[in-house]
N, C-alpha and C. Protein backbone atom coordinates (compact mmCIF):
# COMPACT_ATOMS: atom_id res chain seq x y z
N MET A 1 109.07 128.56 82.55
CA MET A 1 110.03 127.61 82.57
C MET A 1 111.08 127.72 81.43
N SER A 2 112.16 127.79 81.53
CA SER A 2 112.99 127.93 80.50
C SER A 2 113.31 126.37 80.03
N ARG A 3 113.31 125.79 78.98
CA ARG A 3 114.02 124.69 78.11
C ARG A 3 114.58 123.89 79.29
N GLU A 4 115.83 124.88 79.44
CA GLU A 4 117.00 124.25 80.65
C GLU A 4 116.52 123.51 81.86
N ASN A 5 115.52 124.45 82.23
CA ASN A 5 115.23 124.40 83.71
C ASN A 5 113.94 123.23 83.77
N PHE A 6 113.32 122.95 82.49
CA PHE A 6 112.16 121.87 82.18
C PHE A 6 113.03 120.72 82.22
N MET A 7 114.05 120.58 81.80
CA MET A 7 114.73 119.22 81.09
C MET A 7 115.35 118.95 82.47
N ARG A 8 115.92 119.64 83.13
CA ARG A 8 116.70 119.36 84.37
C ARG A 8 115.81 118.95 85.85
N SER A 9 114.47 119.52 85.71
CA SER A 9 113.47 119.63 86.75
C SER A 9 113.20 117.63 86.09
N VAL A 10 112.79 117.40 85.06
CA VAL A 10 112.36 116.29 84.37
C VAL A 10 113.43 114.90 84.80
N LEU A 11 114.67 115.43 84.37
CA LEU A 11 116.18 114.49 84.83
C LEU A 11 115.56 113.99 86.39
N ALA A 12 115.58 115.39 87.48
CA ALA A 12 115.90 115.36 88.64
C ALA A 12 114.57 114.56 89.18
N GLY A 13 113.81 114.51 88.43
CA GLY A 13 112.09 114.08 88.91
C GLY A 13 112.46 112.50 88.58
N PHE A 14 112.84 112.13 87.50
CA PHE A 14 113.06 110.80 87.27
C PHE A 14 113.88 109.87 88.38
N ILE A 15 114.84 110.55 88.35
CA ILE A 15 116.32 110.05 89.42
C ILE A 15 115.47 110.08 90.95
N ALA A 16 114.90 111.01 91.22
CA ALA A 16 114.36 111.12 92.59
C ALA A 16 113.24 109.90 92.70
N THR A 17 112.42 109.82 91.52
CA THR A 17 111.33 108.88 91.66
C THR A 17 112.20 107.23 91.57
N TYR A 18 113.19 107.07 91.04
CA TYR A 18 113.78 105.85 91.23
C TYR A 18 114.45 105.64 92.65
N VAL A 19 115.27 106.62 93.00
CA VAL A 19 115.53 106.74 94.49
C VAL A 19 114.67 106.40 95.41
N MET A 20 113.40 106.78 95.43
CA MET A 20 112.23 106.80 96.24
C MET A 20 111.65 105.17 96.14
N THR A 21 111.62 104.71 94.82
CA THR A 21 111.13 103.36 94.34
C THR A 21 112.34 102.14 95.41
N MET A 22 113.41 102.47 95.11
CA MET A 22 114.40 101.93 95.71
C MET A 22 114.44 101.81 97.28
N THR A 23 114.02 103.10 97.44
CA THR A 23 113.94 103.15 99.19
C THR A 23 112.57 102.20 99.68
N GLY A 24 111.61 102.27 98.98
CA GLY A 24 110.67 101.76 99.28
C GLY A 24 110.67 100.19 99.35
N PHE A 25 111.71 99.41 98.40
CA PHE A 25 111.93 98.09 98.68
C PHE A 25 112.98 97.82 99.36
N TRP A 26 113.72 98.61 99.55
CA TRP A 26 114.90 98.39 100.65
C TRP A 26 114.68 98.80 102.29
N GLN A 27 113.67 99.56 102.39
CA GLN A 27 113.52 99.85 104.06
C GLN A 27 112.85 98.78 104.50
N ALA A 28 112.49 97.80 103.88
CA ALA A 28 111.89 96.63 104.76
C ALA A 28 113.26 95.72 105.49
N GLY A 29 114.36 96.25 104.89
CA GLY A 29 115.32 95.44 105.66
C GLY A 29 115.76 96.29 107.23
N LEU A 30 114.99 97.28 107.06
CA LEU A 30 115.27 98.31 108.35
C LEU A 30 114.29 98.31 109.54
N GLY A 31 113.21 97.07 108.88
CA GLY A 31 112.12 97.12 109.50
C GLY A 31 110.56 97.76 109.60
N LEU A 32 110.71 98.64 108.23
CA LEU A 32 109.54 99.66 108.15
C LEU A 32 108.93 98.63 106.85
N PRO A 33 107.68 98.93 106.88
CA PRO A 33 107.43 98.23 105.62
C PRO A 33 107.47 98.28 104.11
N LYS A 34 107.65 97.53 103.12
CA LYS A 34 107.95 97.73 101.68
C LYS A 34 106.92 98.12 101.20
N ILE A 35 107.24 99.69 100.13
CA ILE A 35 106.22 100.16 100.18
C ILE A 35 106.43 99.95 98.24
N ASP A 36 105.77 99.45 97.71
CA ASP A 36 105.55 99.50 96.21
C ASP A 36 104.68 100.22 95.75
N VAL A 37 104.95 101.63 95.23
CA VAL A 37 104.07 102.40 94.87
C VAL A 37 103.25 101.92 93.09
N GLY A 38 104.44 101.32 92.34
CA GLY A 38 103.87 100.65 91.18
C GLY A 38 102.98 99.91 91.34
N ALA A 39 103.31 98.79 92.16
CA ALA A 39 102.18 97.88 92.72
C ALA A 39 100.70 98.33 92.90
N MET A 40 100.86 99.28 93.61
CA MET A 40 99.37 99.72 94.28
C MET A 40 99.01 100.48 93.14
N LEU A 41 99.57 100.97 92.14
CA LEU A 41 98.87 102.05 90.97
C LEU A 41 98.30 101.14 89.86
N ALA A 42 99.10 99.93 90.10
CA ALA A 42 98.67 99.02 89.06
C ALA A 42 97.53 98.17 89.43
N ALA A 43 97.29 98.01 90.56
CA ALA A 43 96.25 97.11 91.30
C ALA A 43 95.13 97.98 91.32
N ASN A 44 95.12 99.70 91.17
CA ASN A 44 94.12 100.35 91.34
C ASN A 44 93.87 100.77 89.83
N MET A 45 94.74 100.69 89.04
CA MET A 45 94.47 100.76 87.39
C MET A 45 93.68 99.32 86.94
N GLY A 46 93.96 98.01 87.36
CA GLY A 46 93.70 97.02 86.65
C GLY A 46 94.62 96.55 85.73
N HIS A 47 95.61 97.59 85.80
CA HIS A 47 96.68 97.23 84.70
C HIS A 47 98.07 96.38 85.45
N THR A 48 98.79 95.97 84.43
CA THR A 48 100.22 95.36 84.47
C THR A 48 100.84 96.13 85.57
N TYR A 49 101.99 95.25 86.17
CA TYR A 49 102.88 96.23 87.24
C TYR A 49 103.64 96.99 86.26
N ALA A 50 104.16 96.83 84.81
CA ALA A 50 104.59 97.69 84.01
C ALA A 50 104.00 99.15 84.02
N TRP A 51 102.82 99.06 83.99
CA TRP A 51 101.80 100.37 83.68
C TRP A 51 101.80 101.01 84.87
N GLY A 52 101.96 100.17 86.28
CA GLY A 52 101.97 101.03 87.45
C GLY A 52 103.08 101.60 87.73
N GLN A 53 104.26 101.04 87.31
CA GLN A 53 105.45 101.55 87.49
C GLN A 53 105.34 103.11 86.73
N LEU A 54 105.13 102.71 85.53
CA LEU A 54 104.97 103.99 84.50
C LEU A 54 104.01 105.03 84.95
N ALA A 55 103.18 104.68 85.56
CA ALA A 55 102.21 105.70 86.07
C ALA A 55 103.08 106.32 87.33
N HIS A 56 103.73 105.50 87.89
CA HIS A 56 104.72 106.38 88.95
C HIS A 56 105.90 106.99 88.69
N PHE A 57 106.13 107.04 87.51
CA PHE A 57 107.47 107.89 87.38
C PHE A 57 106.86 108.93 86.62
N ILE A 58 105.82 108.79 85.61
CA ILE A 58 104.96 110.00 85.33
C ILE A 58 104.62 111.06 86.62
N ASN A 59 104.14 110.49 87.74
CA ASN A 59 103.44 111.16 88.69
C ASN A 59 105.00 111.75 89.18
N GLY A 60 105.70 111.05 89.47
CA GLY A 60 107.46 112.01 89.80
C GLY A 60 107.90 112.52 89.26
N ILE A 61 107.76 112.62 87.94
CA ILE A 61 108.19 113.93 86.86
C ILE A 61 107.60 115.09 87.09
N ILE A 62 105.88 114.93 87.11
CA ILE A 62 104.94 115.88 87.18
C ILE A 62 105.44 116.29 88.59
N LEU A 63 105.47 115.76 89.56
CA LEU A 63 105.58 116.44 90.94
C LEU A 63 106.59 117.53 91.20
N ALA A 64 108.30 116.68 90.21
CA ALA A 64 109.16 117.91 89.89
C ALA A 64 109.12 118.80 89.10
N LEU A 65 107.95 118.98 88.16
CA LEU A 65 108.10 119.98 87.26
C LEU A 65 106.90 121.13 88.44
N ILE A 66 106.40 120.71 88.96
CA ILE A 66 105.35 121.56 90.13
C ILE A 66 106.46 121.98 90.92
N TYR A 67 107.51 121.47 91.30
CA TYR A 67 108.44 122.10 92.42
C TYR A 67 109.35 122.75 91.80
N ALA A 68 109.82 122.64 90.65
CA ALA A 68 110.78 123.53 89.83
C ALA A 68 109.87 124.58 89.27
N LYS A 69 108.66 124.77 88.81
CA LYS A 69 107.85 125.82 88.35
C LYS A 69 107.58 127.12 89.44
N TRP A 70 106.96 126.25 90.36
CA TRP A 70 106.00 127.13 91.71
C TRP A 70 106.73 127.11 92.89
N LEU A 71 107.43 126.09 93.52
CA LEU A 71 107.85 125.75 94.54
C LEU A 71 108.88 126.13 95.08
N TYR A 72 109.98 125.97 94.16
CA TYR A 72 111.59 126.21 94.48
C TYR A 72 111.51 127.77 94.88
N LYS A 73 111.19 128.79 94.30
CA LYS A 73 111.30 130.07 94.55
C LYS A 73 110.82 130.23 95.75
N VAL A 74 109.64 129.43 96.53
CA VAL A 74 109.18 130.37 97.87
C VAL A 74 109.70 129.47 98.95
N LEU A 75 109.89 127.99 98.79
CA LEU A 75 110.55 127.20 99.79
C LEU A 75 111.61 127.89 100.33
N PRO A 76 111.70 127.58 102.19
CA PRO A 76 112.96 128.57 102.47
C PRO A 76 113.87 127.66 102.21
N GLY A 77 115.48 128.09 102.66
CA GLY A 77 116.50 127.48 102.73
C GLY A 77 117.42 127.20 101.59
N HIS A 78 118.48 126.23 101.71
CA HIS A 78 119.15 125.65 100.42
C HIS A 78 118.35 124.61 99.84
N ARG A 79 118.73 124.38 98.68
CA ARG A 79 117.95 123.48 97.91
C ARG A 79 117.57 122.42 98.25
N VAL A 80 118.69 121.45 99.22
CA VAL A 80 118.42 120.27 99.60
C VAL A 80 117.29 120.58 100.68
N VAL A 81 117.16 121.89 101.34
CA VAL A 81 116.54 121.84 102.51
C VAL A 81 115.12 121.83 101.83
N LYS A 82 115.00 122.24 100.83
CA LYS A 82 113.87 122.98 99.50
C LYS A 82 113.08 121.68 99.50
N GLY A 83 113.82 120.66 99.13
CA GLY A 83 113.83 119.34 98.63
C GLY A 83 113.31 118.42 99.60
N ILE A 84 113.83 118.61 101.06
CA ILE A 84 112.93 118.10 102.03
C ILE A 84 111.86 118.43 102.61
N ILE A 85 111.74 119.69 102.26
CA ILE A 85 110.20 120.38 102.80
C ILE A 85 109.50 119.81 101.78
N TYR A 86 109.67 119.58 100.82
CA TYR A 86 108.91 119.08 99.44
C TYR A 86 108.37 117.85 99.88
N GLY A 87 109.34 116.64 99.93
CA GLY A 87 109.11 115.64 100.81
C GLY A 87 108.05 115.40 101.65
N ILE A 88 108.24 116.21 102.45
CA ILE A 88 107.04 116.12 103.65
C ILE A 88 105.91 116.42 102.99
N ILE A 89 105.66 117.68 102.08
CA ILE A 89 104.28 118.12 101.60
C ILE A 89 104.10 116.95 100.63
N THR A 90 104.75 116.06 99.83
CA THR A 90 104.23 115.18 99.12
C THR A 90 103.80 113.95 100.10
N THR A 91 104.45 114.10 101.24
CA THR A 91 103.92 112.83 102.35
C THR A 91 102.69 113.30 102.60
N ILE A 92 102.36 114.23 102.58
CA ILE A 92 101.18 114.56 103.42
C ILE A 92 100.07 114.40 102.41
N ALA A 93 100.40 115.03 101.28
CA ALA A 93 99.60 114.57 99.95
C ALA A 93 99.32 113.46 99.88
N ALA A 94 99.96 112.58 99.81
CA ALA A 94 99.88 111.08 99.53
C ALA A 94 98.99 110.23 100.48
N GLY A 95 98.96 110.77 102.10
CA GLY A 95 98.54 110.46 103.16
C GLY A 95 97.34 110.73 102.66
N LEU A 96 96.76 111.82 102.28
CA LEU A 96 95.25 112.22 102.44
C LEU A 96 94.72 111.98 101.08
N VAL A 97 95.36 112.25 100.11
CA VAL A 97 94.89 112.09 98.73
C VAL A 97 95.17 110.75 98.10
N VAL A 98 96.36 110.65 97.59
CA VAL A 98 96.70 109.42 96.75
C VAL A 98 96.39 107.78 97.47
N VAL A 99 96.73 107.79 98.56
CA VAL A 99 96.58 106.26 99.39
C VAL A 99 95.15 106.00 99.61
N PRO A 100 94.15 107.23 99.52
CA PRO A 100 92.97 106.69 99.88
C PRO A 100 92.42 106.39 98.20
N LEU A 101 92.81 107.02 97.50
CA LEU A 101 92.17 106.74 96.00
C LEU A 101 92.79 105.53 95.21
N ALA A 102 94.14 105.26 95.73
CA ALA A 102 94.60 104.58 94.95
C ALA A 102 95.05 102.94 95.96
N SER A 103 94.11 102.84 96.96
CA SER A 103 94.38 101.53 97.47
C SER A 103 93.40 101.30 98.74
N PRO A 104 93.14 100.44 99.29
CA PRO A 104 92.05 100.34 100.31
C PRO A 104 92.65 100.77 101.41
N ALA A 105 93.65 101.07 101.68
CA ALA A 105 94.27 101.63 103.00
C ALA A 105 93.78 102.46 103.44
N GLY A 106 93.11 103.65 103.21
CA GLY A 106 92.14 104.61 103.68
C GLY A 106 93.28 105.77 103.99
N VAL A 107 92.44 107.22 104.57
CA VAL A 107 93.52 108.29 104.74
C VAL A 107 94.64 108.08 105.60
N PHE A 108 95.71 108.31 105.18
CA PHE A 108 96.73 108.11 106.26
C PHE A 108 96.90 106.47 106.63
N PHE A 109 96.61 105.65 105.91
CA PHE A 109 96.93 104.13 106.41
C PHE A 109 96.02 103.58 107.32
N THR A 110 94.86 104.14 107.75
CA THR A 110 94.06 103.82 108.68
C THR A 110 93.30 102.70 108.64
N ARG A 111 93.26 101.97 107.74
CA ARG A 111 92.63 100.77 107.31
C ARG A 111 93.61 99.64 107.48
N THR A 112 94.83 100.18 107.94
CA THR A 112 96.04 98.53 107.76
C THR A 112 96.05 98.67 109.12
N PRO A 113 96.79 97.23 109.40
CA PRO A 113 97.26 97.11 110.83
C PRO A 113 97.60 97.53 111.59
N ASN A 114 98.84 98.55 111.30
CA ASN A 114 99.81 99.42 111.64
C ASN A 114 99.82 100.70 110.93
N PRO A 115 98.98 101.55 111.26
CA PRO A 115 98.95 102.79 110.28
C PRO A 115 100.07 103.85 110.82
N ALA A 116 100.40 103.85 111.88
CA ALA A 116 101.83 104.55 112.10
C ALA A 116 103.18 104.01 111.67
N ILE A 117 103.36 102.84 111.54
CA ILE A 117 104.48 102.19 110.76
C ILE A 117 104.58 102.62 109.41
N MET A 118 103.54 102.43 108.75
CA MET A 118 102.81 102.86 107.54
C MET A 118 103.23 104.34 106.82
N ILE A 119 102.76 105.03 107.89
CA ILE A 119 103.20 106.31 107.67
C ILE A 119 104.64 107.22 107.75
N ILE A 120 105.20 106.26 108.63
CA ILE A 120 106.87 106.34 109.07
C ILE A 120 107.48 105.83 107.69
N GLY A 121 106.69 104.64 106.91
CA GLY A 121 107.52 104.12 105.99
C GLY A 121 107.35 105.32 104.41
N SER A 122 105.94 105.66 104.64
CA SER A 122 105.73 106.72 103.42
C SER A 122 106.70 108.08 103.74
N LEU A 123 106.75 108.63 104.68
CA LEU A 123 107.79 109.65 105.16
C LEU A 123 109.03 109.16 104.85
N VAL A 124 109.47 108.02 104.97
CA VAL A 124 110.73 107.77 104.51
C VAL A 124 110.96 107.71 102.83
N ILE A 125 110.11 107.22 102.31
CA ILE A 125 110.35 107.15 100.87
C ILE A 125 110.09 108.78 99.94
N HIS A 126 109.25 109.10 100.77
CA HIS A 126 108.89 110.68 99.97
C HIS A 126 110.08 111.46 100.77
N LEU A 127 110.81 111.54 101.49
CA LEU A 127 111.96 112.09 102.29
C LEU A 127 113.09 111.89 101.39
N ALA A 128 113.01 110.26 100.81
CA ALA A 128 114.07 110.17 99.87
C ALA A 128 113.66 110.79 98.37
N TYR A 129 112.69 110.74 97.97
CA TYR A 129 112.21 111.62 96.99
C TYR A 129 112.82 112.98 96.81
N GLY A 130 112.47 113.78 97.97
CA GLY A 130 112.63 115.11 98.04
C GLY A 130 113.98 115.82 98.73
N PHE A 131 114.44 114.97 99.02
CA PHE A 131 116.11 114.68 99.15
C PHE A 131 116.73 115.17 97.93
N THR A 132 116.38 113.62 97.24
CA THR A 132 117.21 113.73 95.95
C THR A 132 117.07 114.94 95.25
N LEU A 133 115.81 114.98 94.80
CA LEU A 133 115.18 116.19 94.06
C LEU A 133 115.97 117.41 94.62
N GLY A 134 116.21 117.64 95.83
CA GLY A 134 116.77 118.86 96.15
C GLY A 134 118.30 118.91 95.91
N VAL A 135 118.94 117.74 96.13
CA VAL A 135 120.20 117.65 95.45
C VAL A 135 120.66 117.76 94.25
N ILE A 136 119.76 117.61 93.23
CA ILE A 136 119.96 117.38 91.83
C ILE A 136 119.60 118.47 91.18
N TYR A 137 118.36 118.89 91.54
CA TYR A 137 117.79 120.02 90.63
C TYR A 137 118.18 121.71 90.82
N CYS A 138 118.75 122.00 90.15
CA CYS A 138 119.32 123.39 90.86
C CYS A 138 119.06 124.41 89.35
N PRO A 139 118.36 125.22 89.49
CA PRO A 139 117.38 126.06 88.00
C PRO A 139 118.91 126.61 87.40
N PHE A 140 118.82 126.57 86.41
CA PHE A 140 120.17 127.10 85.36
C PHE A 140 120.03 128.83 85.62
N ASN A 141 118.96 129.24 85.57
CA ASN A 141 118.58 130.86 85.74
C ASN A 141 117.69 130.95 86.46
N LYS A 142 117.12 132.39 86.93
CA LYS A 142 115.92 132.68 87.71
C LYS A 142 115.10 133.22 86.83
N ASP A 143 113.96 132.02 86.21
CA ASP A 143 112.89 132.15 85.49
C ASP A 143 111.52 132.13 85.75
């Protein structure tokens, strides 16, 4: 990966994670659950909220680098479609791996009072991440 594409993916990952974070807060106004990934990670790590948010943003940047390096070339469609597909992929990964490891909610939120609404909320925030990543990240060249 060229330096230019590395920097583009880091910036896109940071902005996409910010959009995801804000969507998680604001979606409560639509009747969906408030999802605060930073708080979930902080509680799991036994650290402060700031550390949880830092971990969340680092994860978002790492996921953007993975997207840029390995998946951008192989996912079908326009870059926005690629980002949306990646948002779906990250939703599935979060439900299978991150949520059970970082919270007591279980695989795909099965230990919550309403798993379906939590899955929808998770899908919304991950689609916000993927959509934003797709809009912003455009490789400088094919490397």
